Amino acid sequence: MLSPLGKMLRTAERRGVIAFNPVARLERGERPAVARRDQRVLTRAEIAALIAATPEKFRAAIATTAFTGLRVSELLGLTWADVDFEHGFIRVSKQLSRGGLRVEPKTPQAKRDIVLMPALGRLLREHKLASRYSLAGELVFASSRGTGLLDGNLRRRGFTIAADATGLNAPDRPRLRLHDLRHTFASLLIAGGAEVVTVSRQLGHASPDITLKLYAHLFDAHRHAERTRAFLEDEFGDLLDGRCR
């Protein structure tokens, strides 16, 4: 709220309507502290339940989000030319603007190739066969008129319905966001042993520093588990090997 207010007052100041922008004069202690929302990372069972409960019209889109980590604008901007079934990649070259136009991503790093899991590739092939819009230049996730899906429709009519139906939006838990599927994909890569540079490239971050800032706790937890596992095996594994033989 403070950010757009400051921009409006800055414009007023520039036009001579007010003498100065009061927001710019706020001291640090007068500005609201915004706490970062805890990331929600879904388990294997929760991912399966969410996809199964998603209405069929939106199921392929939600599954693609979960297993590619695409931003919503990137997901909705995909055309069939971007899906390389032969080599197993989804190429991010554009994103869908709020006006429904395919535009350049915000950063050069957002243009990237994301690994296409074979099972997801099969699901997308089925989605393509069932779609009325399957030419190379047509949108993968199109409306009934062939235009881009509205962000709000995907969230409300697809994602939120599934999250409510599976109990993922229970009152005692933070409400699940579509962006949490991006966090989930990052956690899957890290759990699989991917290095920070690989995770950063797959997510389209401007730099690996951003990836570390967001997911340092996941990298630390994975490394700690690996060290603990190796320590226990080195120190005590022989105690069980003899018993097993």
C-alpha atoms as a PDB file:
ATOM      1  CA  MET A   1       0.000   0.000   0.000  1.00  0.00           C
ATOM      2  CA  LEU A   2       2.835   2.371   0.850  1.00  0.00           C
ATOM      3  CA  SER A   3       4.624   1.761  -2.433  1.00  0.00           C
ATOM      4  CA  PRO A   4       1.859   2.931  -4.825  1.00  0.00           C
ATOM      5  CA  LEU A   5       0.998   5.775  -2.441  1.00  0.00           C
ATOM      6  CA  GLY A   6       4.610   6.945  -2.588  1.00  0.00           C
ATOM      7  CA  LYS A   7       4.566   6.826  -6.393  1.00  0.00           C
ATOM      8  CA  MET A   8       1.387   8.910  -6.570  1.00  0.00           C
ATOM      9  CA  LEU A   9       2.759  11.505  -4.183  1.00  0.00           C
ATOM     10  CA  ARG A  10       6.043  11.596  -6.095  1.00  0.00           C
ATOM     11  CA  THR A  11       4.078  12.403  -9.243  1.00  0.00           C
ATOM     12  CA  ALA A  12       2.163  15.112  -7.386  1.00  0.00           C
ATOM     13  CA  GLU A  13       5.434  16.576  -6.137  1.00  0.00           C
ATOM     14  CA  ARG A  14       6.912  16.560  -9.634  1.00  0.00           C
ATOM     15  CA  ARG A  15       3.843  18.379 -10.995  1.00  0.00           C
ATOM     16  CA  GLY A  16       3.973  20.986  -8.250  1.00  0.00           C
ATOM     17  CA  VAL A  17       0.702  19.935  -6.619  1.00  0.00           C
ATOM     18  CA  ILE A  18       2.441  19.361  -3.261  1.00  0.00           C
ATOM     19  CA  ALA A  19       5.672  20.757  -1.886  1.00  0.00           C
ATOM     20  CA  PHE A  20       7.246  17.431  -1.027  1.00  0.00           C
ATOM     21  CA  ASN A  21       6.534  13.699  -0.904  1.00  0.00           C
ATOM     22  CA  PRO A  22       5.859  12.818   2.756  1.00  0.00           C
ATOM     23  CA  VAL A  23       6.379   9.106   2.132  1.00  0.00           C
ATOM     24  CA  ALA A  24       9.966   9.781   1.103  1.00  0.00           C
ATOM     25  CA  ARG A  25      10.581  11.451   4.484  1.00  0.00           C
ATOM     26  CA  LEU A  26       9.465   8.476   6.567  1.00  0.00           C
ATOM     27  CA  GLU A  27      12.205   7.098   8.760  1.00  0.00           C
ATOM     28  CA  ARG A  28      12.958   3.385   8.874  1.00  0.00           C
ATOM     29  CA  GLY A  29      11.086   2.897  12.147  1.00  0.00           C
ATOM     30  CA  GLU A  30       7.994   4.556  10.663  1.00  0.00           C
ATOM     31  CA  ARG A  31       7.801   2.216   7.704  1.00  0.00           C
ATOM     32  CA  PRO A  32       5.838  -1.019   8.140  1.00  0.00           C
ATOM     33  CA  ALA A  33       7.846  -4.196   8.509  1.00  0.00           C
ATOM     34  CA  VAL A  34       6.678  -6.790   6.009  1.00  0.00           C
ATOM     35  CA  ALA A  35       7.416 -10.340   7.078  1.00  0.00           C
ATOM     36  CA  ARG A  36       8.216 -12.858   4.370  1.00  0.00           C
ATOM     37  CA  ARG A  37       5.457 -15.426   4.052  1.00  0.00           C
ATOM     38  CA  ASP A  38       6.511 -18.973   4.859  1.00  0.00           C
ATOM     39  CA  GLN A  39       6.959 -21.149   1.796  1.00  0.00           C
ATOM     40  CA  ARG A  40       4.691 -24.138   1.499  1.00  0.00           C
ATOM     41  CA  VAL A  41       6.235 -27.185  -0.121  1.00  0.00           C
ATOM     42  CA  LEU A  42       3.900 -30.019  -1.014  1.00  0.00           C
ATOM     43  CA  THR A  43       4.650 -33.670  -0.382  1.00  0.00           C
ATOM     44  CA  ARG A  44       4.377 -36.351  -3.044  1.00  0.00           C
ATOM     45  CA  ALA A  45       0.942 -37.370  -1.730  1.00  0.00           C
ATOM     46  CA  GLU A  46      -0.267 -33.748  -1.660  1.00  0.00           C
ATOM     47  CA  ILE A  47       0.883 -33.138  -5.235  1.00  0.00           C
ATOM     48  CA  ALA A  48      -0.938 -36.266  -6.386  1.00  0.00           C
ATOM     49  CA  ALA A  49      -4.118 -35.319  -4.527  1.00  0.00           C
ATOM     50  CA  LEU A  50      -4.042 -31.735  -5.839  1.00  0.00           C
ATOM     51  CA  ILE A  51      -3.666 -32.784  -9.473  1.00  0.00           C
ATOM     52  CA  ALA A  52      -6.341 -35.474  -9.153  1.00  0.00           C
ATOM     53  CA  ALA A  53      -8.804 -32.981  -7.661  1.00  0.00           C
ATOM     54  CA  THR A  54      -8.177 -30.287 -10.292  1.00  0.00           C
ATOM     55  CA  PRO A  55     -11.026 -29.915 -12.817  1.00  0.00           C
ATOM     56  CA  GLU A  56     -10.051 -31.577 -16.084  1.00  0.00           C
ATOM     57  CA  LYS A  57      -9.940 -28.293 -18.009  1.00  0.00           C
ATOM     58  CA  PHE A  58      -7.097 -27.034 -15.812  1.00  0.00           C
ATOM     59  CA  ARG A  59      -5.400 -30.299 -14.821  1.00  0.00           C
ATOM     60  CA  ALA A  60      -2.604 -30.208 -17.406  1.00  0.00           C
ATOM     61  CA  ALA A  61      -1.821 -26.590 -16.515  1.00  0.00           C
ATOM     62  CA  ILE A  62      -1.566 -27.307 -12.779  1.00  0.00           C
ATOM     63  CA  ALA A  63       0.545 -30.421 -13.384  1.00  0.00           C
ATOM     64  CA  THR A  64       2.853 -28.429 -15.658  1.00  0.00           C
ATOM     65  CA  THR A  65       3.279 -25.749 -12.998  1.00  0.00           C
ATOM     66  CA  ALA A  66       4.124 -28.350 -10.345  1.00  0.00           C
ATOM     67  CA  PHE A  67       6.766 -30.118 -12.431  1.00  0.00           C
ATOM     68  CA  THR A  68       8.385 -27.178 -14.229  1.00  0.00           C
ATOM     69  CA  GLY A  69       8.242 -24.355 -11.675  1.00  0.00           C
ATOM     70  CA  LEU A  70       6.974 -21.963 -14.343  1.00  0.00           C
ATOM     71  CA  ARG A  71       5.695 -18.576 -13.280  1.00  0.00           C
ATOM     72  CA  VAL A  72       1.992 -18.214 -14.102  1.00  0.00           C
ATOM     73  CA  SER A  73       2.663 -15.631 -16.812  1.00  0.00           C
ATOM     74  CA  GLU A  74       5.233 -17.985 -18.389  1.00  0.00           C
ATOM     75  CA  LEU A  75       2.869 -20.943 -18.203  1.00  0.00           C
ATOM     76  CA  LEU A  76       0.041 -19.056 -19.903  1.00  0.00           C
ATOM     77  CA  GLY A  77       2.387 -17.699 -22.565  1.00  0.00           C
ATOM     78  CA  LEU A  78       3.520 -21.126 -23.811  1.00  0.00           C
ATOM     79  CA  THR A  79       2.790 -22.129 -27.386  1.00  0.00           C
ATOM     80  CA  TRP A  80       3.109 -25.639 -28.765  1.00  0.00           C
ATOM     81  CA  ALA A  81       6.282 -24.545 -30.558  1.00  0.00           C
ATOM     82  CA  ASP A  82       7.817 -24.099 -27.099  1.00  0.00           C
ATOM     83  CA  VAL A  83       7.198 -27.727 -26.123  1.00  0.00           C
ATOM     84  CA  ASP A  84       9.984 -29.901 -27.523  1.00  0.00           C
ATOM     85  CA  PHE A  85       8.617 -33.405 -27.099  1.00  0.00           C
ATOM     86  CA  GLU A  86      11.466 -34.971 -29.068  1.00  0.00           C
ATOM     87  CA  HIS A  87      14.307 -33.640 -26.915  1.00  0.00           C
ATOM     88  CA  GLY A  88      12.361 -33.311 -23.658  1.00  0.00           C
ATOM     89  CA  PHE A  89      12.368 -29.565 -22.990  1.00  0.00           C
ATOM     90  CA  ILE A  90       9.951 -26.707 -22.498  1.00  0.00           C
ATOM     91  CA  ARG A  91      11.441 -23.509 -23.877  1.00  0.00           C
ATOM     92  CA  VAL A  92      10.427 -20.278 -22.183  1.00  0.00           C
ATOM     93  CA  SER A  93      10.640 -17.459 -24.705  1.00  0.00           C
ATOM     94  CA  LYS A  94       7.640 -15.256 -23.883  1.00  0.00           C
ATOM     95  CA  GLN A  95       5.163 -14.598 -21.120  1.00  0.00           C
ATOM     96  CA  LEU A  96       1.517 -13.590 -21.238  1.00  0.00           C
ATOM     97  CA  SER A  97       0.807 -10.017 -20.178  1.00  0.00           C
ATOM     98  CA  ARG A  98      -2.306  -9.004 -18.267  1.00  0.00           C
ATOM     99  CA  GLY A  99      -3.601  -7.622 -21.538  1.00  0.00           C
ATOM    100  CA  GLY A 100      -3.410 -11.069 -23.110  1.00  0.00           C
ATOM    101  CA  LEU A 101      -0.343 -10.402 -25.254  1.00  0.00           C
ATOM    102  CA  ARG A 102       2.787 -12.537 -25.475  1.00  0.00           C
ATOM    103  CA  VAL A 103       5.630 -10.270 -24.412  1.00  0.00           C
ATOM    104  CA  GLU A 104       9.306 -10.537 -23.547  1.00  0.00           C
ATOM    105  CA  PRO A 105      10.170 -11.859 -20.066  1.00  0.00           C
ATOM    106  CA  LYS A 106      11.354  -9.345 -17.505  1.00  0.00           C
ATOM    107  CA  THR A 107      14.950 -10.602 -17.477  1.00  0.00           C
ATOM    108  CA  PRO A 108      17.193 -12.331 -20.028  1.00  0.00           C
ATOM    109  CA  GLN A 109      17.661 -15.238 -17.580  1.00  0.00           C
ATOM    110  CA  ALA A 110      13.925 -15.938 -17.696  1.00  0.00           C
ATOM    111  CA  LYS A 111      14.437 -17.242 -21.227  1.00  0.00           C
ATOM    112  CA  ARG A 112      15.463 -20.829 -20.607  1.00  0.00           C
ATOM    113  CA  ASP A 113      14.985 -24.512 -21.326  1.00  0.00           C
ATOM    114  CA  ILE A 114      13.232 -26.481 -18.593  1.00  0.00           C
ATOM    115  CA  VAL A 115      13.569 -30.243 -18.415  1.00  0.00           C
ATOM    116  CA  LEU A 116      10.348 -31.958 -19.492  1.00  0.00           C
ATOM    117  CA  MET A 117       9.651 -35.058 -17.415  1.00  0.00           C
ATOM    118  CA  PRO A 118       8.518 -37.914 -19.724  1.00  0.00           C
ATOM    119  CA  ALA A 119       5.288 -38.451 -17.783  1.00  0.00           C
ATOM    120  CA  LEU A 120       4.463 -34.751 -18.074  1.00  0.00           C
ATOM    121  CA  GLY A 121       5.297 -34.948 -21.767  1.00  0.00           C
ATOM    122  CA  ARG A 122       2.739 -37.737 -22.177  1.00  0.00           C
ATOM    123  CA  LEU A 123       0.124 -35.701 -20.317  1.00  0.00           C
ATOM    124  CA  LEU A 124       0.786 -32.692 -22.552  1.00  0.00           C
ATOM    125  CA  ARG A 125       0.516 -34.862 -25.674  1.00  0.00           C
ATOM    126  CA  GLU A 126      -2.918 -35.997 -24.495  1.00  0.00           C
ATOM    127  CA  HIS A 127      -3.845 -32.387 -23.773  1.00  0.00           C
ATOM    128  CA  LYS A 128      -2.720 -31.397 -27.278  1.00  0.00           C
ATOM    129  CA  LEU A 129      -4.810 -34.113 -28.921  1.00  0.00           C
ATOM    130  CA  ALA A 130      -7.885 -32.993 -26.995  1.00  0.00           C
ATOM    131  CA  SER A 131      -7.332 -29.292 -27.696  1.00  0.00           C
ATOM    132  CA  ARG A 132      -8.940 -27.370 -30.558  1.00  0.00           C
ATOM    133  CA  TYR A 133      -5.781 -25.260 -30.687  1.00  0.00           C
ATOM    134  CA  SER A 134      -2.801 -27.496 -31.406  1.00  0.00           C
ATOM    135  CA  LEU A 135      -0.855 -25.673 -34.114  1.00  0.00           C
ATOM    136  CA  ALA A 136       2.732 -24.646 -33.393  1.00  0.00           C
ATOM    137  CA  GLY A 137       1.894 -20.983 -32.836  1.00  0.00           C
ATOM    138  CA  GLU A 138      -1.209 -21.573 -30.738  1.00  0.00           C
ATOM    139  CA  LEU A 139      -1.297 -21.409 -26.960  1.00  0.00           C
ATOM    140  CA  VAL A 140      -0.868 -24.604 -24.972  1.00  0.00           C
ATOM    141  CA  PHE A 141      -3.377 -23.448 -22.378  1.00  0.00           C
ATOM    142  CA  ALA A 142      -5.948 -21.570 -24.384  1.00  0.00           C
ATOM    143  CA  SER A 143      -9.460 -20.375 -23.646  1.00  0.00           C
ATOM    144  CA  SER A 144     -12.435 -21.671 -25.625  1.00  0.00           C
ATOM    145  CA  ARG A 145     -11.748 -18.883 -28.135  1.00  0.00           C
ATOM    146  CA  GLY A 146      -8.063 -19.666 -28.488  1.00  0.00           C
ATOM    147  CA  THR A 147      -6.941 -16.671 -26.461  1.00  0.00           C
ATOM    148  CA  GLY A 148      -4.818 -16.893 -23.339  1.00  0.00           C
ATOM    149  CA  LEU A 149      -6.375 -18.205 -20.156  1.00  0.00           C
ATOM    150  CA  LEU A 150      -7.047 -15.561 -17.558  1.00  0.00           C
ATOM    151  CA  ASP A 151      -4.782 -15.803 -14.537  1.00  0.00           C
ATOM    152  CA  GLY A 152      -7.790 -15.427 -12.226  1.00  0.00           C
ATOM    153  CA  ASN A 153      -9.732 -18.233 -13.904  1.00  0.00           C
ATOM    154  CA  LEU A 154      -6.824 -20.644 -13.554  1.00  0.00           C
ATOM    155  CA  ARG A 155      -6.485 -19.788  -9.870  1.00  0.00           C
ATOM    156  CA  ARG A 156     -10.153 -19.718  -8.861  1.00  0.00           C
ATOM    157  CA  ARG A 157     -11.732 -22.331 -11.114  1.00  0.00           C
ATOM    158  CA  GLY A 158      -8.839 -24.744 -11.170  1.00  0.00           C
ATOM    159  CA  PHE A 159      -6.265 -24.397  -8.425  1.00  0.00           C
ATOM    160  CA  THR A 160      -8.353 -23.115  -5.512  1.00  0.00           C
ATOM    161  CA  ILE A 161     -11.121 -25.637  -6.094  1.00  0.00           C
ATOM    162  CA  ALA A 162      -8.570 -28.464  -5.938  1.00  0.00           C
ATOM    163  CA  ALA A 163      -6.778 -27.038  -2.896  1.00  0.00           C
ATOM    164  CA  ASP A 164     -10.069 -26.668  -1.017  1.00  0.00           C
ATOM    165  CA  ALA A 165     -11.254 -30.147  -1.982  1.00  0.00           C
ATOM    166  CA  THR A 166      -8.067 -31.826  -0.747  1.00  0.00           C
ATOM    167  CA  GLY A 167      -7.892 -29.970   2.562  1.00  0.00           C
ATOM    168  CA  LEU A 168      -4.743 -28.074   1.592  1.00  0.00           C
ATOM    169  CA  ASN A 169      -6.533 -24.855   2.506  1.00  0.00           C
ATOM    170  CA  ALA A 170      -7.487 -26.020   5.980  1.00  0.00           C
ATOM    171  CA  PRO A 171      -8.070 -23.152   8.468  1.00  0.00           C
ATOM    172  CA  ASP A 172      -5.047 -24.116  10.577  1.00  0.00           C
ATOM    173  CA  ARG A 173      -2.630 -23.826   7.645  1.00  0.00           C
ATOM    174  CA  PRO A 174      -1.454 -20.890   5.504  1.00  0.00           C
ATOM    175  CA  ARG A 175      -3.600 -20.665   2.407  1.00  0.00           C
ATOM    176  CA  LEU A 176      -1.947 -22.448  -0.510  1.00  0.00           C
ATOM    177  CA  ARG A 177      -0.884 -20.214  -3.383  1.00  0.00           C
ATOM    178  CA  LEU A 178      -0.283 -21.217  -6.972  1.00  0.00           C
ATOM    179  CA  HIS A 179       3.247 -19.816  -6.532  1.00  0.00           C
ATOM    180  CA  ASP A 180       3.856 -22.500  -3.878  1.00  0.00           C
ATOM    181  CA  LEU A 181       4.015 -25.036  -6.716  1.00  0.00           C
ATOM    182  CA  ARG A 182       7.108 -23.185  -7.917  1.00  0.00           C
ATOM    183  CA  HIS A 183       8.619 -23.593  -4.436  1.00  0.00           C
ATOM    184  CA  THR A 184       7.649 -27.261  -4.540  1.00  0.00           C
ATOM    185  CA  PHE A 185       9.447 -27.770  -7.856  1.00  0.00           C
ATOM    186  CA  ALA A 186      12.562 -26.097  -6.441  1.00  0.00           C
ATOM    187  CA  SER A 187      12.464 -28.428  -3.435  1.00  0.00           C
ATOM    188  CA  LEU A 188      12.176 -31.467  -5.725  1.00  0.00           C
ATOM    189  CA  LEU A 189      15.283 -30.408  -7.637  1.00  0.00           C
ATOM    190  CA  ILE A 190      17.242 -29.778  -4.434  1.00  0.00           C
ATOM    191  CA  ALA A 191      16.148 -33.092  -2.919  1.00  0.00           C
ATOM    192  CA  GLY A 192      17.316 -34.756  -6.120  1.00  0.00           C
ATOM    193  CA  GLY A 193      20.817 -33.352  -5.611  1.00  0.00           C
ATOM    194  CA  ALA A 194      20.726 -30.459  -8.099  1.00  0.00           C
ATOM    195  CA  GLU A 195      23.308 -27.746  -7.472  1.00  0.00           C
ATOM    196  CA  VAL A 196      22.301 -24.148  -6.930  1.00  0.00           C
ATOM    197  CA  VAL A 197      23.291 -23.061 -10.453  1.00  0.00           C
ATOM    198  CA  THR A 198      21.110 -25.763 -11.996  1.00  0.00           C
ATOM    199  CA  VAL A 199      18.146 -24.849  -9.790  1.00  0.00           C
ATOM    200  CA  SER A 200      18.637 -21.168 -10.595  1.00  0.00           C
ATOM    201  CA  ARG A 201      18.638 -21.824 -14.343  1.00  0.00           C
ATOM    202  CA  GLN A 202      15.575 -24.041 -14.197  1.00  0.00           C
ATOM    203  CA  LEU A 203      13.659 -21.391 -12.243  1.00  0.00           C
ATOM    204  CA  GLY A 204      14.874 -18.526 -14.420  1.00  0.00           C
ATOM    205  CA  HIS A 205      16.312 -16.481 -11.574  1.00  0.00           C
ATOM    206  CA  ALA A 206      18.445 -13.481 -12.456  1.00  0.00           C
ATOM    207  CA  SER A 207      21.338 -14.986 -10.473  1.00  0.00           C
ATOM    208  CA  PRO A 208      22.135 -17.977  -8.230  1.00  0.00           C
ATOM    209  CA  ASP A 209      22.306 -15.508  -5.318  1.00  0.00           C
ATOM    210  CA  ILE A 210      18.537 -15.092  -5.523  1.00  0.00           C
ATOM    211  CA  THR A 211      18.095 -18.860  -5.496  1.00  0.00           C
ATOM    212  CA  LEU A 212      20.263 -19.195  -2.402  1.00  0.00           C
ATOM    213  CA  LYS A 213      18.409 -16.394  -0.650  1.00  0.00           C
ATOM    214  CA  LEU A 214      15.100 -18.157  -1.227  1.00  0.00           C
ATOM    215  CA  TYR A 215      16.138 -21.783  -0.726  1.00  0.00           C
ATOM    216  CA  ALA A 216      19.270 -21.777   1.431  1.00  0.00           C
ATOM    217  CA  HIS A 217      17.367 -23.665   4.144  1.00  0.00           C
ATOM    218  CA  LEU A 218      16.479 -26.446   1.693  1.00  0.00           C
ATOM    219  CA  PHE A 219      20.063 -26.760   0.445  1.00  0.00           C
ATOM    220  CA  ASP A 220      21.303 -26.831   4.054  1.00  0.00           C
ATOM    221  CA  ALA A 221      18.760 -29.463   5.075  1.00  0.00           C
ATOM    222  CA  HIS A 222      19.684 -31.660   2.109  1.00  0.00           C
ATOM    223  CA  ARG A 223      23.421 -31.397   2.766  1.00  0.00           C
ATOM    224  CA  HIS A 224      22.917 -32.015   6.481  1.00  0.00           C
ATOM    225  CA  ALA A 225      20.892 -35.142   5.755  1.00  0.00           C
ATOM    226  CA  GLU A 226      23.568 -36.413   3.371  1.00  0.00           C
ATOM    227  CA  ARG A 227      26.339 -35.818   5.921  1.00  0.00           C
ATOM    228  CA  THR A 228      24.361 -37.459   8.706  1.00  0.00           C
ATOM    229  CA  ARG A 229      23.577 -40.456   6.531  1.00  0.00           C
ATOM    230  CA  ALA A 230      27.216 -40.871   5.519  1.00  0.00           C
ATOM    231  CA  PHE A 231      28.425 -40.484   9.119  1.00  0.00           C
ATOM    232  CA  LEU A 232      26.068 -43.139  10.449  1.00  0.00           C
ATOM    233  CA  GLU A 233      27.031 -45.528   7.678  1.00  0.00           C
ATOM    234  CA  ASP A 234      30.785 -45.002   8.141  1.00  0.00           C
ATOM    235  CA  GLU A 235      30.703 -45.309  11.921  1.00  0.00           C
ATOM    236  CA  PHE A 236      28.060 -47.955  12.503  1.00  0.00           C
ATOM    237  CA  GLY A 237      27.242 -49.634   9.223  1.00  0.00           C
ATOM    238  CA  ASP A 238      29.496 -52.606   9.953  1.00  0.00           C
ATOM    239  CA  LEU A 239      27.452 -53.407  13.071  1.00  0.00           C
ATOM    240  CA  LEU A 240      24.503 -54.317  10.911  1.00  0.00           C
ATOM    241  CA  ASP A 241      26.338 -55.807   7.956  1.00  0.00           C
ATOM    242  CA  GLY A 242      27.481 -58.806  10.008  1.00  0.00           C
ATOM    243  CA  ARG A 243      23.994 -59.336  11.407  1.00  0.00           C
ATOM    244  CA  CYS A 244      22.452 -59.167   7.946  1.00  0.00           C
ATOM    245  CA  ARG A 245      24.888 -61.772   6.617  1.00  0.00           C
END
